[in-house]
Amino acid sequence: MMYAILCFDRPDSAALRDAHRAAHQKFLNENSKKILLGGPLKNTPDGPSTGALIVVDCATREEAEALIGADPFYRGGVYETVSVRAFKQVFPQARS
């Protein structure tokens, strides 16, 4: 089952992002079988990160919540809010 995880940063979180970036990248690489896609959210194309969108393949919502809970950005206080929602890909059509 796919889940979309929307993460929104705390105000002035740039220093926290910088402090935890290497550990966050390691976390993404170590979980690349479950993380289908992910990237920063920005208010403008060249602006600073204001959050993240991560789509994961997990058996349950609880597993998806545990996964994001282990992210160094989450543990390090970068995110102010995190929302985990079931996600169904309809376009482009999911490949079997």
N, C-alpha and C. Protein backbone atom coordinates (compact mmCIF):
# COMPACT_ATOMS: atom_id res chain seq x y z
N MET A 1 0.84 -1.18 0.00
CA MET A 1 0.00 0.00 0.00
C MET A 1 0.89 1.24 0.00
N MET A 2 0.51 2.19 -0.81
CA MET A 2 1.27 3.44 -0.85
C MET A 2 0.69 4.44 0.13
N TYR A 3 1.60 5.22 0.72
CA TYR A 3 1.23 6.30 1.62
C TYR A 3 2.00 7.55 1.22
N ALA A 4 1.29 8.68 1.19
CA ALA A 4 1.93 9.98 0.96
C ALA A 4 2.18 10.60 2.33
N ILE A 5 3.40 11.02 2.55
CA ILE A 5 3.77 11.65 3.80
C ILE A 5 4.11 13.10 3.49
N LEU A 6 3.32 14.02 4.04
CA LEU A 6 3.54 15.45 3.86
C LEU A 6 4.15 16.00 5.14
N CYS A 7 5.32 16.60 5.00
CA CYS A 7 6.04 17.15 6.14
C CYS A 7 6.19 18.65 5.92
N PHE A 8 5.85 19.44 6.92
CA PHE A 8 6.01 20.89 6.84
C PHE A 8 6.98 21.34 7.93
N ASP A 9 7.97 22.12 7.51
CA ASP A 9 9.05 22.54 8.41
C ASP A 9 8.59 23.54 9.46
N ARG A 10 9.32 23.53 10.57
CA ARG A 10 9.18 24.59 11.57
C ARG A 10 9.74 25.87 10.94
N PRO A 11 9.25 27.01 11.40
CA PRO A 11 9.85 28.27 10.92
C PRO A 11 11.35 28.29 11.26
N ASP A 12 12.12 28.86 10.40
CA ASP A 12 13.57 29.02 10.62
C ASP A 12 14.26 27.69 10.90
N SER A 13 13.92 26.66 10.14
CA SER A 13 14.49 25.33 10.36
C SER A 13 15.72 25.05 9.49
N ALA A 14 16.19 26.03 8.74
CA ALA A 14 17.31 25.81 7.82
C ALA A 14 18.54 25.26 8.53
N ALA A 15 18.87 25.79 9.69
CA ALA A 15 20.05 25.31 10.42
C ALA A 15 19.87 23.87 10.86
N LEU A 16 18.65 23.51 11.27
CA LEU A 16 18.38 22.12 11.66
C LEU A 16 18.50 21.20 10.45
N ARG A 17 18.00 21.63 9.31
CA ARG A 17 18.13 20.83 8.08
C ARG A 17 19.60 20.59 7.77
N ASP A 18 20.39 21.65 7.84
CA ASP A 18 21.81 21.51 7.55
C ASP A 18 22.49 20.55 8.53
N ALA A 19 22.13 20.63 9.79
CA ALA A 19 22.75 19.80 10.82
C ALA A 19 22.44 18.32 10.64
N HIS A 20 21.26 18.00 10.10
CA HIS A 20 20.82 16.61 10.00
C HIS A 20 20.81 16.07 8.57
N ARG A 21 21.28 16.87 7.60
CA ARG A 21 21.19 16.49 6.18
C ARG A 21 21.92 15.19 5.87
N ALA A 22 23.14 15.02 6.34
CA ALA A 22 23.91 13.80 6.02
C ALA A 22 23.21 12.56 6.57
N ALA A 23 22.72 12.64 7.81
CA ALA A 23 22.02 11.49 8.40
C ALA A 23 20.71 11.23 7.67
N HIS A 24 20.03 12.29 7.23
CA HIS A 24 18.78 12.16 6.48
C HIS A 24 19.04 11.44 5.15
N GLN A 25 20.10 11.84 4.44
CA GLN A 25 20.45 11.20 3.17
C GLN A 25 20.77 9.72 3.38
N LYS A 26 21.49 9.41 4.45
CA LYS A 26 21.80 8.02 4.77
C LYS A 26 20.51 7.24 5.03
N PHE A 27 19.59 7.83 5.78
CA PHE A 27 18.30 7.21 6.07
C PHE A 27 17.55 6.91 4.77
N LEU A 28 17.51 7.87 3.85
CA LEU A 28 16.81 7.67 2.57
C LEU A 28 17.44 6.51 1.80
N ASN A 29 18.75 6.49 1.73
CA ASN A 29 19.44 5.41 1.02
C ASN A 29 19.19 4.05 1.65
N GLU A 30 19.20 3.99 2.97
CA GLU A 30 18.98 2.72 3.67
C GLU A 30 17.55 2.21 3.52
N ASN A 31 16.62 3.10 3.22
CA ASN A 31 15.21 2.73 3.10
C ASN A 31 14.69 2.86 1.67
N SER A 32 15.59 2.78 0.71
CA SER A 32 15.21 3.02 -0.69
C SER A 32 14.24 1.99 -1.25
N LYS A 33 14.12 0.83 -0.64
CA LYS A 33 13.15 -0.16 -1.11
C LYS A 33 11.73 0.23 -0.72
N LYS A 34 11.57 0.98 0.35
CA LYS A 34 10.24 1.40 0.80
C LYS A 34 9.88 2.80 0.31
N ILE A 35 10.88 3.64 0.10
CA ILE A 35 10.63 5.02 -0.33
C ILE A 35 10.59 5.05 -1.85
N LEU A 36 9.40 5.31 -2.40
CA LEU A 36 9.20 5.30 -3.85
C LEU A 36 9.66 6.60 -4.49
N LEU A 37 9.41 7.71 -3.82
CA LEU A 37 9.86 9.01 -4.29
C LEU A 37 9.83 9.98 -3.13
N GLY A 38 10.58 11.03 -3.28
CA GLY A 38 10.59 12.04 -2.23
C GLY A 38 11.36 13.25 -2.68
N GLY A 39 11.07 14.35 -2.05
CA GLY A 39 11.80 15.58 -2.36
C GLY A 39 11.27 16.73 -1.55
N PRO A 40 12.00 17.85 -1.60
CA PRO A 40 11.62 19.01 -0.81
C PRO A 40 10.42 19.74 -1.40
N LEU A 41 9.67 20.37 -0.52
CA LEU A 41 8.62 21.30 -0.91
C LEU A 41 9.22 22.70 -0.80
N LYS A 42 8.88 23.56 -1.76
CA LYS A 42 9.40 24.93 -1.78
C LYS A 42 8.28 25.87 -2.19
N ASN A 43 8.34 27.09 -1.69
CA ASN A 43 7.35 28.09 -2.10
C ASN A 43 7.66 28.65 -3.48
N THR A 44 8.93 28.65 -3.86
CA THR A 44 9.36 29.08 -5.18
C THR A 44 10.42 28.09 -5.66
N PRO A 45 10.61 27.95 -6.97
CA PRO A 45 11.57 26.96 -7.47
C PRO A 45 12.97 27.08 -6.88
N ASP A 46 13.43 28.30 -6.65
CA ASP A 46 14.79 28.50 -6.14
C ASP A 46 14.82 28.82 -4.65
N GLY A 47 13.68 28.77 -4.01
CA GLY A 47 13.61 29.12 -2.59
C GLY A 47 14.07 28.00 -1.68
N PRO A 48 14.10 28.30 -0.40
CA PRO A 48 14.52 27.28 0.57
C PRO A 48 13.46 26.20 0.74
N SER A 49 13.87 25.07 1.25
CA SER A 49 12.93 23.99 1.54
C SER A 49 11.99 24.42 2.65
N THR A 50 10.72 24.08 2.47
CA THR A 50 9.71 24.39 3.49
C THR A 50 9.05 23.11 4.00
N GLY A 51 9.51 21.98 3.51
CA GLY A 51 8.94 20.70 3.91
C GLY A 51 9.36 19.63 2.94
N ALA A 52 8.60 18.53 2.94
CA ALA A 52 8.93 17.41 2.06
C ALA A 52 7.68 16.62 1.71
N LEU A 53 7.71 16.00 0.55
CA LEU A 53 6.71 15.02 0.15
C LEU A 53 7.46 13.71 -0.05
N ILE A 54 7.01 12.67 0.64
CA ILE A 54 7.63 11.36 0.54
C ILE A 54 6.51 10.35 0.29
N VAL A 55 6.64 9.55 -0.75
CA VAL A 55 5.68 8.49 -1.03
C VAL A 55 6.37 7.17 -0.74
N VAL A 56 5.72 6.37 0.12
CA VAL A 56 6.32 5.12 0.57
C VAL A 56 5.41 3.94 0.26
N ASP A 57 6.02 2.77 0.20
CA ASP A 57 5.28 1.51 0.04
C ASP A 57 5.44 0.75 1.35
N CYS A 58 4.39 0.74 2.15
CA CYS A 58 4.40 0.08 3.46
C CYS A 58 3.14 -0.76 3.61
N ALA A 59 3.22 -1.80 4.40
CA ALA A 59 2.09 -2.71 4.58
C ALA A 59 0.94 -2.04 5.33
N THR A 60 1.27 -1.14 6.27
CA THR A 60 0.24 -0.49 7.08
C THR A 60 0.59 0.98 7.29
N ARG A 61 -0.41 1.74 7.71
CA ARG A 61 -0.19 3.14 8.06
C ARG A 61 0.80 3.25 9.22
N GLU A 62 0.68 2.32 10.16
CA GLU A 62 1.58 2.33 11.32
C GLU A 62 3.04 2.15 10.88
N GLU A 63 3.24 1.29 9.89
CA GLU A 63 4.60 1.10 9.37
C GLU A 63 5.11 2.38 8.72
N ALA A 64 4.25 3.07 7.96
CA ALA A 64 4.64 4.33 7.34
C ALA A 64 4.95 5.39 8.40
N GLU A 65 4.14 5.43 9.46
CA GLU A 65 4.38 6.38 10.54
C GLU A 65 5.69 6.07 11.26
N ALA A 66 5.97 4.79 11.46
CA ALA A 66 7.23 4.40 12.11
C ALA A 66 8.41 4.77 11.22
N LEU A 67 8.25 4.62 9.91
CA LEU A 67 9.33 4.95 8.99
C LEU A 67 9.67 6.43 9.07
N ILE A 68 8.66 7.30 8.97
CA ILE A 68 8.95 8.73 9.03
C ILE A 68 9.43 9.12 10.42
N GLY A 69 8.97 8.41 11.44
CA GLY A 69 9.43 8.68 12.80
C GLY A 69 10.90 8.39 13.01
N ALA A 70 11.48 7.57 12.14
CA ALA A 70 12.91 7.25 12.23
C ALA A 70 13.78 8.19 11.40
N ASP A 71 13.16 9.05 10.61
CA ASP A 71 13.91 9.99 9.77
C ASP A 71 14.64 11.01 10.67
N PRO A 72 15.93 11.21 10.45
CA PRO A 72 16.67 12.19 11.25
C PRO A 72 16.09 13.61 11.18
N PHE A 73 15.47 13.99 10.08
CA PHE A 73 14.82 15.30 10.04
C PHE A 73 13.65 15.34 11.03
N TYR A 74 12.89 14.26 11.11
CA TYR A 74 11.78 14.19 12.06
C TYR A 74 12.32 14.19 13.49
N ARG A 75 13.25 13.30 13.77
CA ARG A 75 13.81 13.18 15.12
C ARG A 75 14.56 14.45 15.54
N GLY A 76 15.13 15.15 14.56
CA GLY A 76 15.90 16.35 14.85
C GLY A 76 15.08 17.61 14.97
N GLY A 77 13.76 17.52 14.82
CA GLY A 77 12.90 18.68 15.01
C GLY A 77 12.75 19.59 13.82
N VAL A 78 13.12 19.13 12.63
CA VAL A 78 12.97 19.96 11.43
C VAL A 78 11.49 20.18 11.11
N TYR A 79 10.69 19.13 11.24
CA TYR A 79 9.29 19.21 10.83
C TYR A 79 8.39 19.70 11.96
N GLU A 80 7.52 20.64 11.63
CA GLU A 80 6.52 21.11 12.59
C GLU A 80 5.29 20.21 12.57
N THR A 81 4.89 19.79 11.36
CA THR A 81 3.75 18.89 11.23
C THR A 81 4.07 17.82 10.19
N VAL A 82 3.51 16.64 10.43
CA VAL A 82 3.65 15.52 9.51
C VAL A 82 2.29 14.87 9.37
N SER A 83 1.89 14.60 8.14
CA SER A 83 0.61 13.96 7.85
C SER A 83 0.86 12.73 6.98
N VAL A 84 0.33 11.59 7.40
CA VAL A 84 0.47 10.34 6.65
C VAL A 84 -0.92 9.96 6.13
N ARG A 85 -1.03 9.81 4.82
CA ARG A 85 -2.32 9.49 4.20
C ARG A 85 -2.15 8.35 3.21
N ALA A 86 -3.14 7.47 3.15
CA ALA A 86 -3.15 6.43 2.12
C ALA A 86 -3.17 7.13 0.76
N PHE A 87 -2.47 6.55 -0.20
CA PHE A 87 -2.31 7.16 -1.52
C PHE A 87 -2.56 6.11 -2.59
N LYS A 88 -3.37 6.47 -3.58
CA LYS A 88 -3.63 5.58 -4.71
C LYS A 88 -3.17 6.27 -5.98
N GLN A 89 -2.20 5.69 -6.65
CA GLN A 89 -1.72 6.25 -7.90
C GLN A 89 -2.71 5.91 -9.00
N VAL A 90 -3.19 6.95 -9.72
CA VAL A 90 -4.09 6.72 -10.84
C VAL A 90 -3.52 7.27 -12.15
N PHE A 91 -2.57 8.18 -12.06
CA PHE A 91 -1.93 8.71 -13.26
C PHE A 91 -0.49 9.06 -12.96
N PRO A 92 0.45 8.72 -13.82
CA PRO A 92 0.19 7.76 -14.86
C PRO A 92 -0.19 6.42 -14.25
N GLN A 93 -0.82 5.61 -15.04
CA GLN A 93 -1.29 4.32 -14.54
C GLN A 93 -0.14 3.55 -13.94
N ALA A 94 -0.36 3.02 -12.76
CA ALA A 94 0.67 2.24 -12.08
C ALA A 94 1.03 1.03 -12.93
N ARG A 95 2.30 0.74 -12.99
CA ARG A 95 2.76 -0.42 -13.76
C ARG A 95 2.76 -1.65 -12.89
N SER A 96 2.33 -2.75 -13.45
CA SER A 96 2.29 -4.01 -12.70
C SER A 96 3.64 -4.67 -12.68
